[in-house]
C-alpha cells in the first residue's frame, strides 16, 4: 500500500475525481446504501462525504495517511461529520464496529488472490446480519494492460460464494482524470 501513499504525496491520482463516483450516487438514490456505512479504501473521501451529505453515519478508512488527511480537511470545509481513519482494510475486525453497508470503490481489484480471501472474511466481521457489500472494480473488459488488475464476474462470485447472496453484478464504469471512463463491475452482495 506504500505505492498509494506515494501517489497521493506526488499530487492528485487519476482516480481522485473531486466528486463521488456516479455509480454510488445512483445506488444511494435508489436506497441501496443503507444505515451506517463504511467506505473501505476511501481515498480522499468523496464517496464517504457524499453518503454523509445524504444523512448516513459514515466511516472512511484508507491505508494512505495523506489521503485521510485530505478527506478530513474536506469534511471540515464542507461541514460534514465523517470519521476518517488510517486503517488496514484487511483488518476490519479491529475496528470493533458493525456496518449496514460497506462500499469499496477501487480497492478489491488491488488485492492478490490470497488477500481477497482475507478481505471477504474481514467484511463478514464488519457487516451486520444481512448487510451489503458493494464494490466498483476494474472489469476484464477494460482494454490494454495499463492500470489495475482486471476482475472477472466469475472471480467476484468465487470470492463471495459462501455466506453471501448475490444481489447483482452489472457492467459499470469508473470516472477518472485520464479523459475516459474505465470499464468496471458494480457488484452487490448481501451477507447471508
N, C-alpha and C. Protein backbone atom coordinates (compact mmCIF):
# COMPACT_ATOMS: atom_id res chain seq x y z
N UNK A 1 0.81 -1.21 0.00
CA UNK A 1 0.00 0.00 0.00
C UNK A 1 0.85 1.27 0.00
N UNK A 2 2.16 1.11 0.20
CA UNK A 2 3.04 2.29 0.19
C UNK A 2 2.97 3.03 -1.13
N UNK A 3 2.75 2.32 -2.22
CA UNK A 3 2.67 2.96 -3.53
C UNK A 3 1.53 3.96 -3.62
N UNK A 4 0.42 3.67 -2.93
CA UNK A 4 -0.71 4.60 -2.94
C UNK A 4 -0.37 5.87 -2.17
N UNK A 5 0.29 5.72 -1.04
CA UNK A 5 0.71 6.90 -0.27
C UNK A 5 1.62 7.77 -1.12
N UNK A 6 2.54 7.16 -1.83
CA UNK A 6 3.45 7.92 -2.70
C UNK A 6 2.68 8.68 -3.78
N UNK A 7 1.66 8.03 -4.34
CA UNK A 7 0.88 8.68 -5.38
C UNK A 7 0.11 9.89 -4.83
N UNK A 8 -0.44 9.77 -3.62
CA UNK A 8 -1.14 10.91 -3.02
C UNK A 8 -0.16 12.03 -2.68
N UNK A 9 1.02 11.69 -2.21
CA UNK A 9 2.03 12.72 -1.90
C UNK A 9 2.49 13.44 -3.16
N UNK A 10 2.52 12.73 -4.27
CA UNK A 10 3.01 13.31 -5.53
C UNK A 10 1.99 14.24 -6.18
N UNK A 11 0.75 14.19 -5.74
CA UNK A 11 -0.29 15.03 -6.34
C UNK A 11 -1.61 14.30 -6.35
N UNK A 12 -2.44 14.63 -7.28
CA UNK A 12 -3.78 14.05 -7.35
C UNK A 12 -3.78 12.83 -8.28
N UNK A 13 -4.00 11.62 -7.71
CA UNK A 13 -4.05 10.43 -8.56
C UNK A 13 -5.23 10.48 -9.51
N UNK A 14 -5.17 9.75 -10.63
CA UNK A 14 -6.23 9.85 -11.64
C UNK A 14 -7.61 9.40 -11.15
N UNK A 15 -7.68 8.58 -10.11
CA UNK A 15 -8.98 8.13 -9.61
C UNK A 15 -9.61 9.15 -8.66
N UNK A 16 -8.87 10.16 -8.26
CA UNK A 16 -9.38 11.19 -7.34
C UNK A 16 -10.04 12.28 -8.19
N UNK A 17 -11.34 12.12 -8.44
CA UNK A 17 -12.03 12.96 -9.42
C UNK A 17 -12.72 14.18 -8.80
N UNK A 18 -12.62 14.35 -7.49
CA UNK A 18 -13.19 15.54 -6.86
C UNK A 18 -14.70 15.48 -6.65
N UNK A 19 -15.28 14.31 -6.80
CA UNK A 19 -16.71 14.10 -6.57
C UNK A 19 -16.94 12.61 -6.39
N UNK A 20 -18.13 12.25 -5.94
CA UNK A 20 -18.47 10.83 -5.79
C UNK A 20 -18.61 10.17 -7.16
N UNK A 21 -18.30 8.91 -7.24
CA UNK A 21 -18.50 8.15 -8.47
C UNK A 21 -20.00 8.03 -8.74
N UNK A 22 -20.40 8.21 -9.98
CA UNK A 22 -21.81 8.19 -10.37
C UNK A 22 -22.52 6.92 -9.93
N UNK A 23 -21.85 5.78 -10.02
CA UNK A 23 -22.49 4.51 -9.63
C UNK A 23 -22.95 4.56 -8.18
N UNK A 24 -22.17 5.16 -7.29
CA UNK A 24 -22.54 5.22 -5.88
C UNK A 24 -23.62 6.28 -5.63
N UNK A 25 -23.59 7.35 -6.38
CA UNK A 25 -24.66 8.36 -6.27
C UNK A 25 -26.00 7.72 -6.65
N UNK A 26 -25.99 6.97 -7.74
CA UNK A 26 -27.23 6.32 -8.19
C UNK A 26 -27.70 5.26 -7.20
N UNK A 27 -26.78 4.49 -6.63
CA UNK A 27 -27.16 3.49 -5.63
C UNK A 27 -27.79 4.14 -4.41
N UNK A 28 -27.21 5.25 -3.97
CA UNK A 28 -27.77 5.93 -2.80
C UNK A 28 -29.17 6.44 -3.11
N UNK A 29 -29.37 6.97 -4.30
CA UNK A 29 -30.69 7.49 -4.68
C UNK A 29 -31.74 6.37 -4.72
N UNK A 30 -31.31 5.15 -5.04
CA UNK A 30 -32.23 4.00 -5.09
C UNK A 30 -32.42 3.33 -3.74
N UNK A 31 -31.71 3.80 -2.71
CA UNK A 31 -31.86 3.22 -1.38
C UNK A 31 -30.99 2.01 -1.12
N UNK A 32 -30.03 1.73 -1.99
CA UNK A 32 -29.15 0.57 -1.79
C UNK A 32 -28.07 0.83 -0.74
N UNK A 33 -27.75 2.09 -0.49
CA UNK A 33 -26.81 2.45 0.57
C UNK A 33 -27.65 2.69 1.82
N UNK A 34 -27.51 1.79 2.80
CA UNK A 34 -28.39 1.85 3.97
C UNK A 34 -27.59 2.01 5.26
N UNK A 35 -28.22 2.69 6.22
CA UNK A 35 -27.72 2.74 7.59
C UNK A 35 -26.31 3.26 7.75
N UNK A 36 -25.60 2.64 8.69
CA UNK A 36 -24.21 3.02 8.97
C UNK A 36 -23.34 2.46 7.85
N UNK A 37 -22.49 3.33 7.27
CA UNK A 37 -21.71 2.98 6.08
C UNK A 37 -20.22 3.03 6.39
N UNK A 38 -19.51 2.03 5.91
CA UNK A 38 -18.05 2.04 5.90
C UNK A 38 -17.60 2.13 4.46
N UNK A 39 -16.78 3.14 4.15
CA UNK A 39 -16.18 3.25 2.82
C UNK A 39 -14.74 2.75 2.95
N UNK A 40 -14.51 1.52 2.50
CA UNK A 40 -13.20 0.88 2.61
C UNK A 40 -12.32 1.31 1.45
N UNK A 41 -11.13 1.83 1.77
CA UNK A 41 -10.26 2.36 0.74
C UNK A 41 -10.80 3.68 0.22
N UNK A 42 -11.18 4.56 1.13
CA UNK A 42 -11.94 5.78 0.80
C UNK A 42 -11.14 6.84 0.08
N UNK A 43 -9.82 6.73 0.03
CA UNK A 43 -9.03 7.77 -0.61
C UNK A 43 -9.26 9.11 0.07
N UNK A 44 -9.49 10.15 -0.72
CA UNK A 44 -9.70 11.49 -0.15
C UNK A 44 -11.16 11.73 0.23
N UNK A 45 -11.97 10.67 0.21
CA UNK A 45 -13.27 10.71 0.86
C UNK A 45 -14.49 11.14 0.08
N UNK A 46 -14.41 11.29 -1.22
CA UNK A 46 -15.55 11.84 -1.94
C UNK A 46 -16.83 11.00 -1.81
N UNK A 47 -16.73 9.67 -1.92
CA UNK A 47 -17.93 8.84 -1.76
C UNK A 47 -18.45 8.93 -0.33
N UNK A 48 -17.56 8.82 0.64
CA UNK A 48 -17.96 8.90 2.05
C UNK A 48 -18.63 10.23 2.36
N UNK A 49 -18.08 11.31 1.85
CA UNK A 49 -18.65 12.63 2.09
C UNK A 49 -20.02 12.76 1.43
N UNK A 50 -20.17 12.17 0.27
CA UNK A 50 -21.48 12.20 -0.38
C UNK A 50 -22.51 11.45 0.46
N UNK A 51 -22.15 10.26 0.95
CA UNK A 51 -23.09 9.50 1.78
C UNK A 51 -23.46 10.29 3.03
N UNK A 52 -22.50 10.96 3.64
CA UNK A 52 -22.78 11.77 4.82
C UNK A 52 -23.72 12.92 4.48
N UNK A 53 -23.55 13.51 3.32
CA UNK A 53 -24.42 14.61 2.91
C UNK A 53 -25.86 14.14 2.71
N UNK A 54 -26.03 12.85 2.53
CA UNK A 54 -27.36 12.25 2.35
C UNK A 54 -27.92 11.71 3.66
N UNK A 55 -27.23 11.99 4.77
CA UNK A 55 -27.76 11.64 6.08
C UNK A 55 -27.25 10.36 6.70
N UNK A 56 -26.30 9.70 6.09
CA UNK A 56 -25.77 8.45 6.64
C UNK A 56 -24.68 8.72 7.67
N UNK A 57 -24.58 7.85 8.67
CA UNK A 57 -23.43 7.83 9.56
C UNK A 57 -22.34 7.10 8.80
N UNK A 58 -21.18 7.75 8.61
CA UNK A 58 -20.17 7.21 7.69
C UNK A 58 -18.80 7.18 8.34
N UNK A 59 -18.10 6.08 8.07
CA UNK A 59 -16.71 5.90 8.42
C UNK A 59 -15.96 5.67 7.11
N UNK A 60 -14.78 6.27 7.00
CA UNK A 60 -13.94 6.05 5.84
C UNK A 60 -12.56 5.63 6.30
N UNK A 61 -12.05 4.57 5.71
CA UNK A 61 -10.70 4.11 6.05
C UNK A 61 -9.85 4.01 4.79
N UNK A 62 -8.57 4.26 4.97
CA UNK A 62 -7.62 4.11 3.88
C UNK A 62 -6.25 3.91 4.50
N UNK A 63 -5.38 3.21 3.79
CA UNK A 63 -4.03 2.98 4.28
C UNK A 63 -3.07 4.12 4.00
N UNK A 64 -3.52 5.13 3.26
CA UNK A 64 -2.66 6.25 2.88
C UNK A 64 -2.94 7.46 3.79
N UNK A 65 -2.03 7.79 4.70
CA UNK A 65 -2.24 8.92 5.61
C UNK A 65 -2.50 10.25 4.89
N UNK A 66 -1.84 10.47 3.76
CA UNK A 66 -2.04 11.73 3.02
C UNK A 66 -3.47 11.83 2.50
N UNK A 67 -4.03 10.71 2.04
CA UNK A 67 -5.42 10.70 1.57
C UNK A 67 -6.38 10.97 2.73
N UNK A 68 -6.15 10.34 3.86
CA UNK A 68 -7.03 10.54 5.02
C UNK A 68 -6.97 11.99 5.50
N UNK A 69 -5.80 12.58 5.52
CA UNK A 69 -5.68 13.98 5.93
C UNK A 69 -6.48 14.88 4.99
N UNK A 70 -6.41 14.60 3.69
CA UNK A 70 -7.19 15.38 2.72
C UNK A 70 -8.68 15.19 2.95
N UNK A 71 -9.11 13.96 3.22
CA UNK A 71 -10.53 13.69 3.48
C UNK A 71 -11.00 14.44 4.72
N UNK A 72 -10.19 14.46 5.76
CA UNK A 72 -10.56 15.18 6.98
C UNK A 72 -10.69 16.69 6.72
N UNK A 73 -9.81 17.23 5.92
CA UNK A 73 -9.91 18.66 5.57
C UNK A 73 -11.19 18.94 4.79
N UNK A 74 -11.52 18.07 3.84
CA UNK A 74 -12.75 18.25 3.05
C UNK A 74 -13.98 18.19 3.95
N UNK A 75 -14.01 17.24 4.87
CA UNK A 75 -15.16 17.11 5.78
C UNK A 75 -15.34 18.39 6.59
N UNK A 76 -14.25 18.90 7.11
CA UNK A 76 -14.32 20.14 7.91
C UNK A 76 -14.79 21.31 7.04
N UNK A 77 -14.23 21.44 5.85
CA UNK A 77 -14.60 22.55 4.96
C UNK A 77 -16.07 22.48 4.54
N UNK A 78 -16.59 21.26 4.39
CA UNK A 78 -17.98 21.09 3.95
C UNK A 78 -18.97 20.99 5.12
N UNK A 79 -18.44 21.01 6.33
CA UNK A 79 -19.31 20.91 7.50
C UNK A 79 -20.01 19.57 7.62
N UNK A 80 -19.32 18.51 7.21
CA UNK A 80 -19.90 17.16 7.26
C UNK A 80 -19.20 16.33 8.32
N UNK A 81 -19.97 15.51 9.01
CA UNK A 81 -19.43 14.63 10.04
C UNK A 81 -19.16 13.25 9.45
N UNK A 82 -17.89 12.94 9.25
CA UNK A 82 -17.45 11.62 8.81
C UNK A 82 -16.23 11.26 9.65
N UNK A 83 -16.17 10.03 10.11
CA UNK A 83 -14.99 9.56 10.83
C UNK A 83 -14.04 8.96 9.81
N UNK A 84 -12.90 9.62 9.60
CA UNK A 84 -11.87 9.14 8.69
C UNK A 84 -10.69 8.64 9.51
N UNK A 85 -10.20 7.45 9.18
CA UNK A 85 -9.07 6.86 9.90
C UNK A 85 -8.12 6.17 8.95
N UNK A 86 -6.83 6.24 9.27
CA UNK A 86 -5.85 5.40 8.59
C UNK A 86 -6.03 4.01 9.17
N UNK A 87 -6.37 3.06 8.32
CA UNK A 87 -6.64 1.71 8.80
C UNK A 87 -6.49 0.73 7.64
N UNK A 88 -6.11 -0.48 7.98
CA UNK A 88 -5.91 -1.55 7.01
C UNK A 88 -7.25 -2.23 6.72
N UNK A 89 -7.66 -2.26 5.46
CA UNK A 89 -8.92 -2.90 5.09
C UNK A 89 -8.88 -4.41 5.29
N UNK A 90 -7.70 -4.97 5.48
CA UNK A 90 -7.58 -6.40 5.75
C UNK A 90 -7.60 -6.68 7.25
N UNK A 91 -7.98 -5.67 8.03
CA UNK A 91 -8.11 -5.81 9.49
C UNK A 91 -9.37 -5.11 9.97
N UNK A 92 -10.46 -5.27 9.24
CA UNK A 92 -11.70 -4.58 9.59
C UNK A 92 -12.24 -4.98 10.96
N UNK A 93 -11.98 -6.22 11.35
CA UNK A 93 -12.48 -6.66 12.65
C UNK A 93 -11.92 -5.84 13.80
N UNK A 94 -10.72 -5.27 13.61
CA UNK A 94 -10.12 -4.48 14.69
C UNK A 94 -10.79 -3.11 14.85
N UNK A 95 -11.67 -2.73 13.94
CA UNK A 95 -12.46 -1.52 14.13
C UNK A 95 -13.46 -1.70 15.27
N UNK A 96 -13.85 -2.95 15.50
CA UNK A 96 -14.83 -3.30 16.54
C UNK A 96 -16.15 -2.56 16.35
N UNK A 97 -16.53 -2.43 15.08
CA UNK A 97 -17.79 -1.79 14.71
C UNK A 97 -18.48 -2.66 13.67
N UNK A 98 -19.80 -2.55 13.59
CA UNK A 98 -20.51 -3.22 12.52
C UNK A 98 -21.23 -2.17 11.68
N UNK A 99 -21.40 -2.51 10.42
CA UNK A 99 -21.97 -1.59 9.44
C UNK A 99 -23.11 -2.27 8.70
N UNK A 100 -24.03 -1.45 8.21
CA UNK A 100 -25.12 -1.95 7.39
C UNK A 100 -24.70 -2.07 5.93
N UNK A 101 -23.77 -1.19 5.53
CA UNK A 101 -23.27 -1.18 4.15
C UNK A 101 -21.77 -0.93 4.19
N UNK A 102 -21.04 -1.72 3.42
CA UNK A 102 -19.62 -1.44 3.17
C UNK A 102 -19.48 -1.19 1.68
N UNK A 103 -18.90 -0.04 1.33
CA UNK A 103 -18.64 0.27 -0.07
C UNK A 103 -17.14 0.19 -0.33
N UNK A 104 -16.83 -0.13 -1.56
CA UNK A 104 -15.45 -0.32 -1.99
C UNK A 104 -15.35 0.22 -3.41
N UNK A 105 -14.66 1.31 -3.57
CA UNK A 105 -14.51 1.92 -4.88
C UNK A 105 -13.05 1.83 -5.30
N UNK A 106 -12.72 0.73 -5.97
CA UNK A 106 -11.37 0.59 -6.48
C UNK A 106 -10.38 -0.06 -5.55
N UNK A 107 -10.83 -0.73 -4.50
CA UNK A 107 -9.91 -1.41 -3.59
C UNK A 107 -9.79 -2.90 -3.92
N UNK A 108 -10.91 -3.56 -4.12
CA UNK A 108 -10.91 -5.01 -4.32
C UNK A 108 -9.93 -5.44 -5.41
N UNK A 109 -9.88 -4.71 -6.50
CA UNK A 109 -9.02 -5.14 -7.62
C UNK A 109 -7.53 -4.95 -7.33
N UNK A 110 -7.17 -4.32 -6.24
CA UNK A 110 -5.75 -4.16 -5.89
C UNK A 110 -5.21 -5.36 -5.11
N UNK A 111 -6.10 -6.23 -4.63
CA UNK A 111 -5.68 -7.34 -3.78
C UNK A 111 -5.21 -8.55 -4.58
N UNK A 112 -4.26 -9.27 -3.99
CA UNK A 112 -3.87 -10.57 -4.51
C UNK A 112 -5.02 -11.55 -4.26
N UNK A 113 -4.94 -12.72 -4.86
CA UNK A 113 -5.97 -13.74 -4.62
C UNK A 113 -6.07 -14.08 -3.13
N UNK A 114 -4.93 -14.19 -2.47
CA UNK A 114 -4.92 -14.52 -1.04
C UNK A 114 -5.55 -13.40 -0.22
N UNK A 115 -5.23 -12.17 -0.56
CA UNK A 115 -5.79 -11.04 0.19
C UNK A 115 -7.29 -10.87 -0.07
N UNK A 116 -7.76 -11.28 -1.23
CA UNK A 116 -9.20 -11.24 -1.49
C UNK A 116 -9.94 -12.14 -0.50
N UNK A 117 -9.37 -13.31 -0.24
CA UNK A 117 -9.98 -14.23 0.73
C UNK A 117 -9.98 -13.62 2.12
N UNK A 118 -8.86 -13.00 2.51
CA UNK A 118 -8.79 -12.32 3.83
C UNK A 118 -9.81 -11.19 3.91
N UNK A 119 -9.93 -10.43 2.84
CA UNK A 119 -10.85 -9.30 2.79
C UNK A 119 -12.29 -9.77 2.98
N UNK A 120 -12.65 -10.84 2.29
CA UNK A 120 -14.00 -11.37 2.40
C UNK A 120 -14.31 -11.75 3.85
N UNK A 121 -13.37 -12.36 4.54
CA UNK A 121 -13.57 -12.72 5.95
C UNK A 121 -13.71 -11.47 6.81
N UNK A 122 -12.91 -10.47 6.54
CA UNK A 122 -13.00 -9.21 7.29
C UNK A 122 -14.35 -8.53 7.07
N UNK A 123 -14.84 -8.60 5.84
CA UNK A 123 -16.14 -7.99 5.54
C UNK A 123 -17.25 -8.66 6.35
N UNK A 124 -17.18 -9.97 6.48
CA UNK A 124 -18.18 -10.68 7.28
C UNK A 124 -18.14 -10.20 8.73
N UNK A 125 -16.95 -9.94 9.24
CA UNK A 125 -16.81 -9.47 10.62
C UNK A 125 -17.33 -8.05 10.79
N UNK A 126 -17.27 -7.25 9.73
CA UNK A 126 -17.64 -5.84 9.82
C UNK A 126 -19.10 -5.57 9.47
N UNK A 127 -19.75 -6.51 8.81
CA UNK A 127 -21.12 -6.27 8.36
C UNK A 127 -22.15 -6.86 9.32
N UNK A 128 -23.20 -6.11 9.56
CA UNK A 128 -24.33 -6.62 10.32
C UNK A 128 -25.01 -7.73 9.53
N UNK A 129 -25.79 -8.53 10.21
CA UNK A 129 -26.54 -9.57 9.54
C UNK A 129 -27.37 -8.97 8.41
N UNK A 130 -27.30 -9.57 7.26
CA UNK A 130 -27.94 -9.12 6.02
C UNK A 130 -27.44 -7.77 5.52
N UNK A 131 -26.25 -7.36 5.98
CA UNK A 131 -25.63 -6.13 5.49
C UNK A 131 -25.12 -6.30 4.07
N UNK A 132 -24.89 -5.19 3.40
CA UNK A 132 -24.49 -5.19 1.98
C UNK A 132 -23.03 -4.80 1.80
N UNK A 133 -22.38 -5.50 0.87
CA UNK A 133 -21.06 -5.12 0.38
C UNK A 133 -21.25 -4.75 -1.09
N UNK A 134 -20.82 -3.53 -1.43
CA UNK A 134 -20.97 -3.04 -2.80
C UNK A 134 -19.61 -2.55 -3.29
N UNK A 135 -19.14 -3.16 -4.38
CA UNK A 135 -17.81 -2.84 -4.90
C UNK A 135 -17.87 -2.41 -6.35
N UNK A 136 -17.08 -1.39 -6.66
CA UNK A 136 -16.85 -0.98 -8.04
C UNK A 136 -15.40 -1.33 -8.33
N UNK A 137 -15.19 -2.29 -9.25
CA UNK A 137 -13.83 -2.75 -9.52
C UNK A 137 -13.61 -2.88 -11.03
N UNK A 138 -12.35 -2.76 -11.43
CA UNK A 138 -11.99 -2.86 -12.84
C UNK A 138 -12.48 -4.19 -13.41
N UNK A 139 -13.00 -4.14 -14.60
CA UNK A 139 -13.52 -5.31 -15.30
C UNK A 139 -12.49 -5.80 -16.31
N UNK A 140 -12.58 -7.08 -16.61
CA UNK A 140 -11.70 -7.66 -17.64
C UNK A 140 -11.98 -7.08 -19.02
N UNK A 141 -13.06 -6.33 -19.15
CA UNK A 141 -13.40 -5.72 -20.44
C UNK A 141 -12.66 -4.39 -20.68
N UNK A 142 -11.94 -3.90 -19.67
CA UNK A 142 -11.13 -2.70 -19.87
C UNK A 142 -9.95 -3.08 -20.75
N UNK A 143 -9.80 -2.44 -21.92
CA UNK A 143 -8.72 -2.82 -22.83
C UNK A 143 -7.34 -2.45 -22.30
N UNK A 144 -6.36 -3.10 -22.87
CA UNK A 144 -4.97 -2.81 -22.52
C UNK A 144 -4.55 -3.50 -21.25
N UNK A 145 -3.32 -3.22 -20.84
CA UNK A 145 -2.81 -3.85 -19.62
C UNK A 145 -2.26 -2.82 -18.64
N UNK A 146 -2.51 -1.54 -18.92
CA UNK A 146 -2.07 -0.48 -18.02
C UNK A 146 -3.08 -0.35 -16.89
N UNK A 147 -2.60 -0.04 -15.71
CA UNK A 147 -3.51 0.21 -14.59
C UNK A 147 -3.77 -1.02 -13.76
N UNK A 148 -4.86 -0.97 -13.00
CA UNK A 148 -5.14 -2.04 -12.04
C UNK A 148 -5.42 -3.39 -12.69
N UNK A 149 -5.28 -4.39 -11.87
CA UNK A 149 -5.62 -5.76 -12.26
C UNK A 149 -7.10 -5.82 -12.61
N UNK A 150 -7.41 -6.55 -13.65
CA UNK A 150 -8.81 -6.70 -14.06
C UNK A 150 -9.45 -7.85 -13.27
N UNK A 151 -10.76 -7.74 -13.07
CA UNK A 151 -11.50 -8.73 -12.31
C UNK A 151 -12.64 -9.24 -13.18
N UNK A 152 -12.86 -10.54 -13.14
CA UNK A 152 -13.98 -11.11 -13.89
C UNK A 152 -15.18 -11.29 -12.97
N UNK A 153 -16.33 -11.40 -13.58
CA UNK A 153 -17.57 -11.66 -12.83
C UNK A 153 -17.43 -12.97 -12.06
N UNK A 154 -16.83 -13.98 -12.69
CA UNK A 154 -16.65 -15.27 -12.02
C UNK A 154 -15.72 -15.17 -10.83
N UNK A 155 -14.68 -14.34 -10.92
CA UNK A 155 -13.79 -14.16 -9.77
C UNK A 155 -14.54 -13.55 -8.59
N UNK A 156 -15.39 -12.56 -8.86
CA UNK A 156 -16.20 -11.98 -7.80
C UNK A 156 -17.09 -13.04 -7.17
N UNK A 157 -17.77 -13.79 -8.00
CA UNK A 157 -18.67 -14.85 -7.49
C UNK A 157 -17.90 -15.88 -6.68
N UNK A 158 -16.70 -16.21 -7.11
CA UNK A 158 -15.91 -17.21 -6.40
C UNK A 158 -15.54 -16.73 -4.99
N UNK A 159 -15.11 -15.49 -4.87
CA UNK A 159 -14.72 -14.96 -3.55
C UNK A 159 -15.92 -14.90 -2.61
N UNK A 160 -17.09 -14.55 -3.14
CA UNK A 160 -18.27 -14.36 -2.30
C UNK A 160 -19.28 -15.51 -2.43
N UNK A 161 -18.78 -16.71 -2.61
CA UNK A 161 -19.67 -17.86 -2.85
C UNK A 161 -20.25 -18.45 -1.57
N UNK A 162 -19.61 -18.27 -0.42
CA UNK A 162 -20.08 -18.87 0.83
C UNK A 162 -20.50 -17.78 1.81
N UNK A 163 -21.74 -17.86 2.23
CA UNK A 163 -22.22 -16.91 3.24
C UNK A 163 -22.69 -15.59 2.69
N UNK A 164 -22.87 -15.52 1.36
CA UNK A 164 -23.30 -14.29 0.71
C UNK A 164 -24.40 -14.60 -0.30
N UNK A 165 -25.29 -13.65 -0.48
CA UNK A 165 -26.28 -13.72 -1.54
C UNK A 165 -25.92 -12.66 -2.58
N UNK A 166 -25.82 -13.06 -3.83
CA UNK A 166 -25.52 -12.11 -4.90
C UNK A 166 -26.78 -11.33 -5.25
N UNK A 167 -26.73 -10.03 -5.05
CA UNK A 167 -27.84 -9.15 -5.45
C UNK A 167 -27.72 -8.80 -6.93
N UNK A 168 -26.50 -8.44 -7.34
CA UNK A 168 -26.27 -8.10 -8.75
C UNK A 168 -24.78 -7.93 -9.01
N UNK A 169 -24.39 -8.17 -10.24
CA UNK A 169 -23.07 -7.79 -10.76
C UNK A 169 -23.36 -7.24 -12.15
N UNK A 170 -23.24 -5.92 -12.30
CA UNK A 170 -23.60 -5.28 -13.56
C UNK A 170 -22.43 -4.47 -14.11
N UNK A 171 -22.41 -4.33 -15.41
CA UNK A 171 -21.39 -3.51 -16.06
C UNK A 171 -21.57 -2.06 -15.63
N UNK A 172 -20.45 -1.41 -15.34
CA UNK A 172 -20.47 -0.02 -14.91
C UNK A 172 -19.20 0.64 -15.43
N UNK A 173 -18.84 1.77 -14.83
CA UNK A 173 -17.59 2.43 -15.21
C UNK A 173 -17.07 3.30 -14.09
N UNK A 174 -15.75 3.48 -14.14
CA UNK A 174 -15.04 4.40 -13.24
C UNK A 174 -14.80 5.70 -13.99
N UNK A 175 -15.22 6.80 -13.42
CA UNK A 175 -14.78 8.09 -13.96
C UNK A 175 -13.34 8.30 -13.49
N UNK A 176 -12.54 8.98 -14.30
CA UNK A 176 -11.16 9.25 -13.90
C UNK A 176 -10.74 10.59 -14.48
N UNK A 177 -9.57 11.00 -14.10
CA UNK A 177 -8.99 12.24 -14.62
C UNK A 177 -8.13 11.97 -15.86
N UNK A 178 -8.26 10.78 -16.42
CA UNK A 178 -7.45 10.42 -17.58
C UNK A 178 -8.13 10.75 -18.90
N UNK A 179 -9.33 11.31 -18.85
CA UNK A 179 -10.02 11.68 -20.07
C UNK A 179 -10.97 10.63 -20.60
N UNK A 180 -11.05 9.50 -19.94
CA UNK A 180 -12.00 8.47 -20.35
C UNK A 180 -12.42 7.67 -19.11
N UNK A 181 -13.58 7.05 -19.20
CA UNK A 181 -14.05 6.19 -18.12
C UNK A 181 -13.53 4.78 -18.35
N UNK A 182 -13.22 4.09 -17.28
CA UNK A 182 -12.74 2.72 -17.37
C UNK A 182 -13.90 1.75 -17.14
N UNK A 183 -13.87 0.64 -17.82
CA UNK A 183 -14.91 -0.37 -17.67
C UNK A 183 -14.77 -1.07 -16.32
N UNK A 184 -15.91 -1.30 -15.69
CA UNK A 184 -15.91 -1.82 -14.33
C UNK A 184 -17.09 -2.75 -14.12
N UNK A 185 -17.02 -3.49 -13.02
CA UNK A 185 -18.17 -4.23 -12.50
C UNK A 185 -18.64 -3.51 -11.25
N UNK A 186 -19.94 -3.38 -11.12
CA UNK A 186 -20.55 -2.91 -9.89
C UNK A 186 -21.21 -4.13 -9.27
N UNK A 187 -20.61 -4.63 -8.19
CA UNK A 187 -21.04 -5.88 -7.57
C UNK A 187 -21.69 -5.59 -6.23
N UNK A 188 -22.84 -6.22 -6.00
CA UNK A 188 -23.59 -6.04 -4.76
C UNK A 188 -23.87 -7.43 -4.18
N UNK A 189 -23.29 -7.69 -3.01
CA UNK A 189 -23.52 -8.94 -2.29
C UNK A 189 -24.12 -8.61 -0.93
N UNK A 190 -25.04 -9.46 -0.49
CA UNK A 190 -25.64 -9.30 0.84
C UNK A 190 -25.18 -10.45 1.72
N UNK A 191 -24.79 -10.11 2.94
CA UNK A 191 -24.36 -11.15 3.88
C UNK A 191 -25.56 -12.03 4.22
N UNK A 192 -25.39 -13.33 4.01
CA UNK A 192 -26.50 -14.27 4.23
C UNK A 192 -26.54 -14.72 5.69
